[in-house]
C-alpha cells in the first residue's frame, strides 16, 4: 500500500475524512442547544432526552457494526454507509420545526457514527505496522481535532454573512460532509478477507484476558471522566467571561491537535501502556487543580493541560487496543471497546451533576481525580503482569 507523507494511504485518507466530517459536525453541534432553546423554545428536559438517546444509540451500535464488519470481511462499505447516513441527516435539522425533528436528526446522525467507528478504527489498525500504531492513531486524532477547530470558525463566519441564520449553517455543513464520503469512496482501499473464514460471534470469551482487564480499567476511568460541559461550567465559576469561553475551547483544541501525533510517536517508542498510565496520572492532577483553582488564570492553564491529556490519552488507547485483539475480530474488539467506554460515560455525567448540585463543584473534581488515580494504580500493576 502507498505511503502519503509518511503514513499508509488508508491512515492518511481516513485522517482527511475525519477532518472533513468534524468540520461538518462541529459547524452544527455547538449551535444545537441555541437552536433548540432560542428558535424552537425547547425545555431543558427535552434537550436532555435528545442528547441521552443520541449518545446511547451511538454507543450501543458500535459493537454490532464491528461484528458485522468482521463477519462480512468488509470495512470500507460499512464506513461509507456510516458517514453517508450522518451527512444525509443534515436536511432533517435544517428543516426542523420542533424538538422531535431535532431528536430524529440526532438519532440518525449518531446512528451513522455508531455504524462507522469500529470498522474505521479496524481499517486504520489493519493498514499500519504494529510498531507505529501510536503514530497512526495520533495522526487521526490530530486531524479530528483540527476539524473541531475549523468547524466552529466556519460556522461563525457563516452566521456573520447570513445575519445569524442558524439554518444556513446546517445546510452548508453538508458540503464538508459530502467531501468526507467522496474521499472514502475514491481513496480508501481494503484487504479482502480470505475465503472460508468462520463467521465471528460477539463474545468476550474469545478475546484476550488482557483486553477484558483493560476494558475494566478504561471503564473505571471513564466513570470519573465527566462531560466537558462541567469543565466549562467550572471555568465560568472561576471568573472566565462567557465571551472568552469559545476562545478558551479553541486554544484547548489547538493544543490537542498539535500534540496528538507527537504523542503517538512517543508512545510507540516509550510504550503505549506507560503513556496511558501517565495520562491517567495527569488527568488526576488536572482535576485536583480544577477542585482547588481560585482564579481565571488557573482555568486557562488547567484547560491547556487538559488538551495535553487528550493528546496523550485518546489516540494512544485506541492504538493499544489494536495490540490486544486478534486480526480476525479486530472490528468486533473495537466495537466492544467503544461501546463499553460510551456506556460508562452515561452514568459519569449523572454522578457529576449530582455531586455538583448536592455537595459542590469541588466534590465532582475530587471524585474524578480519585477515579483516575485508582485506574492508574490498576494499570500500573497491569503493566508488570507481562507482555
Protein backbone atom coordinates (compact mmCIF):
# COMPACT_ATOMS: atom_id res chain seq x y z
CA UNK A 1 0.00 0.00 0.00
CA UNK A 2 1.22 3.51 -0.83
CA UNK A 3 2.53 5.89 1.80
CA UNK A 4 1.41 9.51 1.89
CA UNK A 5 3.52 11.95 3.92
CA UNK A 6 4.91 9.06 5.95
CA UNK A 7 1.54 7.42 6.64
CA UNK A 8 -0.14 4.42 4.97
CA UNK A 9 -2.64 5.62 2.38
CA UNK A 10 -5.68 4.47 4.37
CA UNK A 11 -4.45 6.19 7.52
CA UNK A 12 -3.84 9.47 5.70
CA UNK A 13 -7.13 9.29 3.80
CA UNK A 14 -9.19 8.45 6.90
CA UNK A 15 -7.46 11.36 8.63
CA UNK A 16 -8.78 13.63 5.87
CA UNK A 17 -12.21 12.02 6.19
CA UNK A 18 -12.29 12.81 9.91
CA UNK A 19 -11.11 16.35 9.19
CA UNK A 20 -13.96 16.94 6.74
CA UNK A 21 -16.58 15.22 8.89
CA UNK A 22 -15.57 17.01 12.06
CA UNK A 23 -15.77 20.34 10.25
CA UNK A 24 -19.30 19.38 9.24
CA UNK A 25 -20.29 18.14 12.71
CA UNK A 26 -18.68 20.96 14.69
CA UNK A 27 -20.33 23.57 12.47
CA UNK A 28 -23.58 22.23 13.89
CA UNK A 29 -23.03 20.77 17.36
CA UNK A 30 -22.31 23.98 19.36
CA UNK A 31 -25.37 25.63 17.78
CA UNK A 32 -27.91 22.88 18.53
CA UNK A 33 -28.57 23.97 22.17
CA UNK A 34 -29.11 27.56 20.96
CA UNK A 35 -31.36 26.36 18.11
CA UNK A 36 -33.45 24.25 20.48
CA UNK A 37 -33.70 26.89 23.19
CA UNK A 38 -33.98 30.17 21.25
CA UNK A 39 -35.56 29.10 17.95
CA UNK A 40 -37.71 26.08 18.87
CA UNK A 41 -38.23 27.09 22.55
CA UNK A 42 -37.49 23.58 23.80
CA UNK A 43 -37.41 22.71 27.51
CA UNK A 44 -34.16 21.67 29.19
CA UNK A 45 -35.73 18.27 29.95
CA UNK A 46 -36.37 17.66 26.25
CA UNK A 47 -32.82 18.72 25.40
CA UNK A 48 -31.54 16.16 27.91
CA UNK A 49 -33.73 13.45 26.36
CA UNK A 50 -32.36 14.26 22.89
CA UNK A 51 -28.71 14.02 23.96
CA UNK A 52 -29.26 10.91 26.06
CA UNK A 53 -30.95 8.99 23.25
CA UNK A 54 -28.40 10.20 20.69
CA UNK A 55 -25.29 9.19 22.63
CA UNK A 56 -26.77 5.87 23.80
CA UNK A 57 -27.59 4.98 20.20
CA UNK A 58 -24.01 5.59 19.08
CA UNK A 59 -22.53 3.59 21.97
CA UNK A 60 -24.72 0.51 21.55
CA UNK A 61 -24.37 0.33 17.76
CA UNK A 62 -20.57 0.31 17.72
CA UNK A 63 -20.27 -3.30 18.87
CA UNK A 64 -22.78 -4.51 16.26
CA UNK A 65 -21.13 -2.64 13.40
CA UNK A 66 -17.76 -4.07 14.43
CA UNK A 67 -19.19 -7.59 14.48
CA UNK A 68 -20.83 -7.08 11.09
CA UNK A 69 -17.57 -5.81 9.62
CA UNK A 70 -15.68 -8.88 10.84
CA UNK A 71 -18.46 -11.27 9.80
CA UNK A 72 -18.67 -9.89 6.25
CA UNK A 73 -14.94 -9.30 5.95
CA UNK A 74 -15.69 -5.74 4.84
CA UNK A 75 -14.68 -2.37 6.26
CA UNK A 76 -14.98 0.27 3.53
CA UNK A 77 -18.64 -0.24 2.61
CA UNK A 78 -19.76 -0.06 6.26
CA UNK A 79 -17.65 3.04 6.88
CA UNK A 80 -19.11 4.61 3.73
CA UNK A 81 -22.67 3.90 4.88
CA UNK A 82 -21.93 5.27 8.36
CA UNK A 83 -20.60 8.59 7.11
CA UNK A 84 -23.28 8.76 4.41
CA UNK A 85 -26.13 8.32 6.91
CA UNK A 86 -24.79 11.20 9.02
CA UNK A 87 -24.47 13.51 6.02
CA UNK A 88 -27.96 12.65 4.76
CA UNK A 89 -29.38 13.52 8.19
CA UNK A 90 -28.41 17.21 7.89
CA UNK A 91 -31.57 18.32 6.00
CA UNK A 92 -33.66 16.93 8.88
CA UNK A 93 -32.06 19.53 11.14
CA UNK A 94 -32.11 22.36 8.59
CA UNK A 95 -35.88 21.88 8.14
CA UNK A 96 -36.72 21.17 11.79
CA UNK A 97 -39.77 22.90 13.22
CA UNK A 98 -40.00 21.06 16.56
CA UNK A 99 -37.70 19.34 19.03
CA UNK A 100 -38.98 15.95 17.80
CA UNK A 101 -37.40 16.70 14.40
CA UNK A 102 -34.10 17.51 16.12
CA UNK A 103 -34.38 14.25 18.06
CA UNK A 104 -34.81 12.34 14.78
CA UNK A 105 -31.78 14.20 13.34
CA UNK A 106 -29.56 13.48 16.36
CA UNK A 107 -30.65 9.83 16.43
CA UNK A 108 -29.89 9.44 12.70
CA UNK A 109 -26.57 11.29 12.92
CA UNK A 110 -25.41 9.22 15.91
CA UNK A 111 -26.68 6.07 14.20
CA UNK A 112 -24.21 6.84 11.42
CA UNK A 113 -21.41 7.41 13.92
CA UNK A 114 -22.20 4.14 15.65
CA UNK A 115 -22.04 2.31 12.32
CA UNK A 116 -18.70 3.71 11.16
CA UNK A 117 -16.48 3.99 14.26
CA UNK A 118 -15.39 0.39 14.90
CA UNK A 119 -14.66 -0.61 11.27
CA UNK A 120 -12.86 2.71 10.73
CA UNK A 121 -10.51 2.07 13.65
CA UNK A 122 -10.07 -1.51 12.45
CA UNK A 123 -9.03 -0.46 8.95
CA UNK A 124 -6.50 2.01 10.43
CA UNK A 125 -5.04 -0.84 12.51
CA UNK A 126 -5.17 -3.25 9.54
CA UNK A 127 -3.20 -0.78 7.41
CA UNK A 128 -0.50 0.07 9.96
CA UNK A 129 2.70 -1.63 11.06
CA UNK A 130 2.18 -2.58 14.75
CA UNK A 131 5.37 -0.69 15.63
CA UNK A 132 3.82 2.67 14.62
CA UNK A 133 0.20 2.26 15.71
CA UNK A 134 0.52 5.16 18.14
CA UNK A 135 1.70 7.45 15.36
CA UNK A 136 -1.21 6.39 13.12
CA UNK A 137 -3.94 6.88 15.72
CA UNK A 138 -2.28 10.06 16.97
CA UNK A 139 -2.39 11.48 13.43
CA UNK A 140 -6.05 10.51 13.11
CA UNK A 141 -6.82 12.21 16.41
CA UNK A 142 -4.93 15.34 15.28
CA UNK A 143 -6.95 15.61 12.06
CA UNK A 144 -10.14 15.05 14.03
CA UNK A 145 -9.25 17.92 16.34
CA UNK A 146 -8.26 20.26 13.51
CA UNK A 147 -11.77 19.70 12.14
CA UNK A 148 -13.16 20.58 15.58
CA UNK A 149 -11.23 23.87 15.37
CA UNK A 150 -12.24 24.75 11.81
CA UNK A 151 -15.92 23.80 12.13
CA UNK A 152 -16.97 26.45 14.68
CA UNK A 153 -14.76 29.02 12.95
CA UNK A 154 -16.54 28.43 9.64
CA UNK A 155 -19.93 28.47 11.38
CA UNK A 156 -19.07 31.82 12.97
CA UNK A 157 -18.22 33.25 9.55
CA UNK A 158 -21.45 31.91 8.01
CA UNK A 159 -23.52 33.42 10.82
CA UNK A 160 -21.87 36.77 10.13
CA UNK A 161 -22.66 36.55 6.41
CA UNK A 162 -26.27 35.38 6.84
CA UNK A 163 -27.44 37.54 9.75
CA UNK A 164 -27.15 34.78 12.41
CA UNK A 165 -29.42 32.43 10.48
CA UNK A 166 -28.65 29.03 12.01
CA UNK A 167 -30.38 27.10 9.24
CA UNK A 168 -27.84 28.34 6.69
CA UNK A 169 -25.07 26.78 8.80
CA UNK A 170 -26.96 23.49 8.91
CA UNK A 171 -27.43 23.43 5.13
CA UNK A 172 -23.83 24.38 4.32
CA UNK A 173 -22.47 21.75 6.72
CA UNK A 174 -23.47 19.19 4.09
CA UNK A 175 -20.56 20.29 1.86
CA UNK A 176 -17.63 19.09 4.05
CA UNK A 177 -19.69 16.01 4.94
CA UNK A 178 -20.08 15.17 1.26
CA UNK A 179 -16.32 15.62 0.79
CA UNK A 180 -15.75 13.06 3.57
CA UNK A 181 -17.97 10.48 1.83
CA UNK A 182 -16.41 11.16 -1.57
CA UNK A 183 -12.90 10.77 -0.13
CA UNK A 184 -13.78 7.34 1.29
CA UNK A 185 -15.33 6.21 -1.98
CA UNK A 186 -12.36 7.27 -4.12
CA UNK A 187 -9.32 6.59 -1.97
CA UNK A 188 -9.86 4.07 0.86
CA UNK A 189 -8.57 0.59 -0.02
CA UNK A 190 -9.25 -2.56 1.96
CA UNK A 191 -7.84 -6.04 2.08
CA UNK A 192 -10.26 -8.84 1.28
CA UNK A 193 -10.69 -11.49 3.93
CA UNK A 194 -9.51 -14.94 2.86
CA UNK A 195 -12.36 -17.20 1.77
CA UNK A 196 -13.53 -19.89 4.16
CA UNK A 197 -13.05 -17.83 7.32
CA UNK A 198 -15.58 -18.75 10.01
CA UNK A 199 -18.21 -16.13 10.93
CA UNK A 200 -17.42 -14.09 14.03
CA UNK A 201 -19.57 -14.25 17.17
CA UNK A 202 -19.99 -11.32 19.54
CA UNK A 203 -18.43 -12.70 22.70
CA UNK A 204 -15.81 -11.77 25.24
CA UNK A 205 -14.89 -15.44 25.62
CA UNK A 206 -12.67 -15.46 22.56
CA UNK A 207 -10.87 -12.26 23.49
CA UNK A 208 -7.58 -11.92 25.32
CA UNK A 209 -7.82 -11.59 29.11
CA UNK A 210 -5.61 -8.52 28.88
CA UNK A 211 -8.26 -6.87 26.70
CA UNK A 212 -11.00 -7.69 29.21
CA UNK A 213 -8.95 -6.24 32.04
CA UNK A 214 -8.17 -3.14 30.00
CA UNK A 215 -11.89 -2.68 29.32
CA UNK A 216 -12.50 -2.78 33.08
CA UNK A 217 -9.76 -0.23 33.81
CA UNK A 218 -10.84 2.09 31.00
CA UNK A 219 -14.48 1.95 32.13
CA UNK A 220 -13.47 2.77 35.73
CA UNK A 221 -11.50 5.74 34.45
CA UNK A 222 -14.40 6.87 32.24
CA UNK A 223 -16.77 6.81 35.21
CA UNK A 224 -14.66 9.64 36.63
CA UNK A 225 -14.14 11.47 33.35
CA UNK A 226 -17.17 13.74 33.25
CA UNK A 227 -18.55 15.64 30.27
CA UNK A 228 -16.60 18.69 29.11
CA UNK A 229 -19.73 20.70 29.89
CA UNK A 230 -18.76 20.58 33.58
CA UNK A 231 -15.29 21.90 32.80
CA UNK A 232 -16.88 24.85 31.03
CA UNK A 233 -19.22 25.47 33.98
CA UNK A 234 -16.22 25.36 36.31
CA UNK A 235 -14.22 27.92 34.32
CA UNK A 236 -17.27 30.21 34.44
CA UNK A 237 -17.26 29.67 38.20
CA UNK A 238 -13.63 30.78 38.27
CA UNK A 239 -14.42 34.08 36.55
CA UNK A 240 -13.72 33.40 32.88
CA UNK A 241 -16.14 35.59 30.92
CA UNK A 242 -18.71 33.84 28.75
CA UNK A 243 -17.46 35.65 25.65
CA UNK A 244 -13.95 34.23 26.25
CA UNK A 245 -15.05 30.60 26.59
CA UNK A 246 -15.10 29.88 22.80
CA UNK A 247 -11.52 31.20 22.65
CA UNK A 248 -10.56 29.00 25.60
CA UNK A 249 -12.09 25.96 23.90
CA UNK A 250 -10.32 26.83 20.65
CA UNK A 251 -6.97 27.02 22.45
CA UNK A 252 -7.65 23.65 24.12
CA UNK A 253 -8.35 22.04 20.73
CA UNK A 254 -5.22 23.59 19.23
CA UNK A 255 -3.05 22.11 21.99
CA UNK A 256 -4.64 18.70 21.47
CA UNK A 257 -4.26 18.88 17.68
CA UNK A 258 -0.60 19.90 17.80
CA UNK A 259 0.43 17.24 20.31
CA UNK A 260 -1.62 14.17 19.31
CA UNK A 261 0.71 12.94 16.52
CA UNK A 262 3.95 13.56 18.50
CA UNK A 263 2.32 11.84 21.49
CA UNK A 264 1.51 8.81 19.34
CA UNK A 265 5.10 8.63 18.06
CA UNK A 266 6.37 8.93 21.64
CA UNK A 267 4.01 6.13 22.75
CA UNK A 268 5.38 3.84 20.02
CA UNK A 269 8.90 4.37 21.41
CA UNK A 270 8.26 4.61 25.17
CA UNK A 271 5.47 2.04 25.32
CA UNK A 272 1.74 2.62 24.96
CA UNK A 273 0.93 1.21 28.39
CA UNK A 274 3.30 3.60 30.13
CA UNK A 275 1.86 6.57 28.29
CA UNK A 276 -1.71 5.55 29.20
CA UNK A 277 -0.75 5.34 32.89
CA UNK A 278 0.89 8.76 32.61
CA UNK A 279 -2.26 10.17 31.02
CA UNK A 280 -4.37 8.90 33.95
CA UNK A 281 -1.96 10.47 36.46
CA UNK A 282 -2.02 13.75 34.53
CA UNK A 283 -5.83 13.69 34.49
CA UNK A 284 -5.88 13.17 38.26
CA UNK A 285 -3.56 16.14 38.72
CA UNK A 286 -5.66 18.35 36.39
CA UNK A 287 -8.93 17.52 38.14
CA UNK A 288 -7.34 18.17 41.54
CA UNK A 289 -6.28 21.51 40.08
CA UNK A 290 -9.86 22.27 39.00
CA UNK A 291 -11.01 21.46 42.55
CA UNK A 292 -8.59 23.91 44.23
CA UNK A 293 -8.40 26.58 41.50
CA UNK A 294 -9.34 30.12 42.54
CA UNK A 295 -8.71 32.47 39.59
CA UNK A 296 -9.33 32.77 35.81
CA UNK A 297 -5.64 32.20 35.03
CA UNK A 298 -5.89 28.83 36.76
CA UNK A 299 -8.79 27.92 34.46
CA UNK A 300 -6.76 28.78 31.35
CA UNK A 301 -3.71 26.81 32.48
CA UNK A 302 -5.79 23.79 33.51
CA UNK A 303 -7.73 23.75 30.23
CA UNK A 304 -4.46 23.82 28.27
CA UNK A 305 -3.19 20.94 30.42
CA UNK A 306 -6.43 19.11 29.65
CA UNK A 307 -5.55 19.46 25.96
CA UNK A 308 -2.25 17.70 26.69
CA UNK A 309 -4.15 14.91 28.45
CA UNK A 310 -6.46 14.38 25.46
CA UNK A 311 -3.43 14.26 23.13
CA UNK A 312 -1.63 11.55 25.11
CA UNK A 313 -4.71 9.51 26.00
CA UNK A 314 -7.37 9.07 23.32
CA UNK A 315 -5.31 8.09 20.28
CA UNK A 316 -2.87 6.04 22.36
CA UNK A 317 -5.65 4.00 23.96
CA UNK A 318 -7.10 3.18 20.53
CA UNK A 319 -3.64 2.17 19.33
CA UNK A 320 -3.15 -0.02 22.39
CA UNK A 321 -6.45 -1.82 21.77
CA UNK A 322 -5.08 -2.99 18.40
CA UNK A 323 -2.27 -4.84 20.22
CA UNK A 324 -4.79 -6.81 22.32
CA UNK A 325 -7.16 -8.06 19.60
CA UNK A 326 -6.72 -10.90 17.13
CA UNK A 327 -6.85 -9.67 13.50
CA UNK A 328 -9.95 -11.71 12.63
CA UNK A 329 -12.02 -9.98 15.35
CA UNK A 330 -10.41 -6.55 15.22
CA UNK A 331 -13.53 -4.57 14.34
CA UNK A 332 -15.58 -6.52 16.89
CA UNK A 333 -12.99 -5.72 19.53
CA UNK A 334 -13.04 -2.03 18.67
CA UNK A 335 -16.83 -2.12 18.75
CA UNK A 336 -16.80 -3.64 22.24
CA UNK A 337 -14.21 -1.08 23.39
CA UNK A 338 -16.16 1.93 22.10
CA UNK A 339 -19.45 0.55 23.45
CA UNK A 340 -18.05 -0.05 26.95
CA UNK A 341 -16.48 3.42 27.03
CA UNK A 342 -19.65 5.02 25.68
CA UNK A 343 -21.95 3.30 28.17
CA UNK A 344 -19.59 4.14 31.06
CA UNK A 345 -19.76 7.81 30.07
CA UNK A 346 -23.55 7.91 30.58
CA UNK A 347 -23.60 7.45 34.39
CA UNK A 348 -20.43 9.53 34.82
CA UNK A 349 -22.23 12.76 33.92
CA UNK A 350 -25.22 11.87 36.11
CA UNK A 351 -22.86 11.31 39.05
CA UNK A 352 -21.05 14.55 38.25
CA UNK A 353 -24.25 16.57 38.16
CA UNK A 354 -25.44 15.10 41.45
CA UNK A 355 -22.11 15.80 43.17
CA UNK A 356 -22.06 19.40 41.91
CA UNK A 357 -25.68 20.07 42.87
CA UNK A 358 -25.74 18.46 46.32
CA UNK A 359 -22.14 18.96 47.53
CA UNK A 360 -20.38 21.40 45.22
CA UNK A 361 -18.05 21.51 42.19
CA UNK A 362 -15.00 20.56 44.27
CA UNK A 363 -16.61 17.20 45.07
CA UNK A 364 -17.06 16.45 41.37
CA UNK A 365 -13.42 17.13 40.56
CA UNK A 366 -12.03 15.32 43.60
CA UNK A 367 -14.16 12.33 42.57
CA UNK A 368 -12.75 12.42 39.02
CA UNK A 369 -9.20 12.74 40.36
CA UNK A 370 -9.69 9.76 42.70
CA UNK A 371 -11.12 7.55 39.95
CA UNK A 372 -8.22 8.41 37.65
CA UNK A 373 -5.70 7.66 40.39
CA UNK A 374 -7.39 4.32 41.11
CA UNK A 375 -7.31 3.50 37.38
CA UNK A 376 -3.62 4.35 37.15
CA UNK A 377 -2.87 2.05 40.09
CA UNK A 378 -4.75 -0.80 38.41
CA UNK A 379 -2.96 -0.14 35.15
CA UNK A 380 0.41 0.11 36.88
CA UNK A 381 0.05 -3.46 38.13
CA UNK A 382 -1.32 -4.48 34.75
CA UNK A 383 1.87 -3.25 33.02
CA UNK A 384 4.06 -5.52 35.11
CA UNK A 385 1.94 -8.61 34.63
CA UNK A 386 3.87 -9.28 31.44
CA UNK A 387 3.57 -8.58 27.78
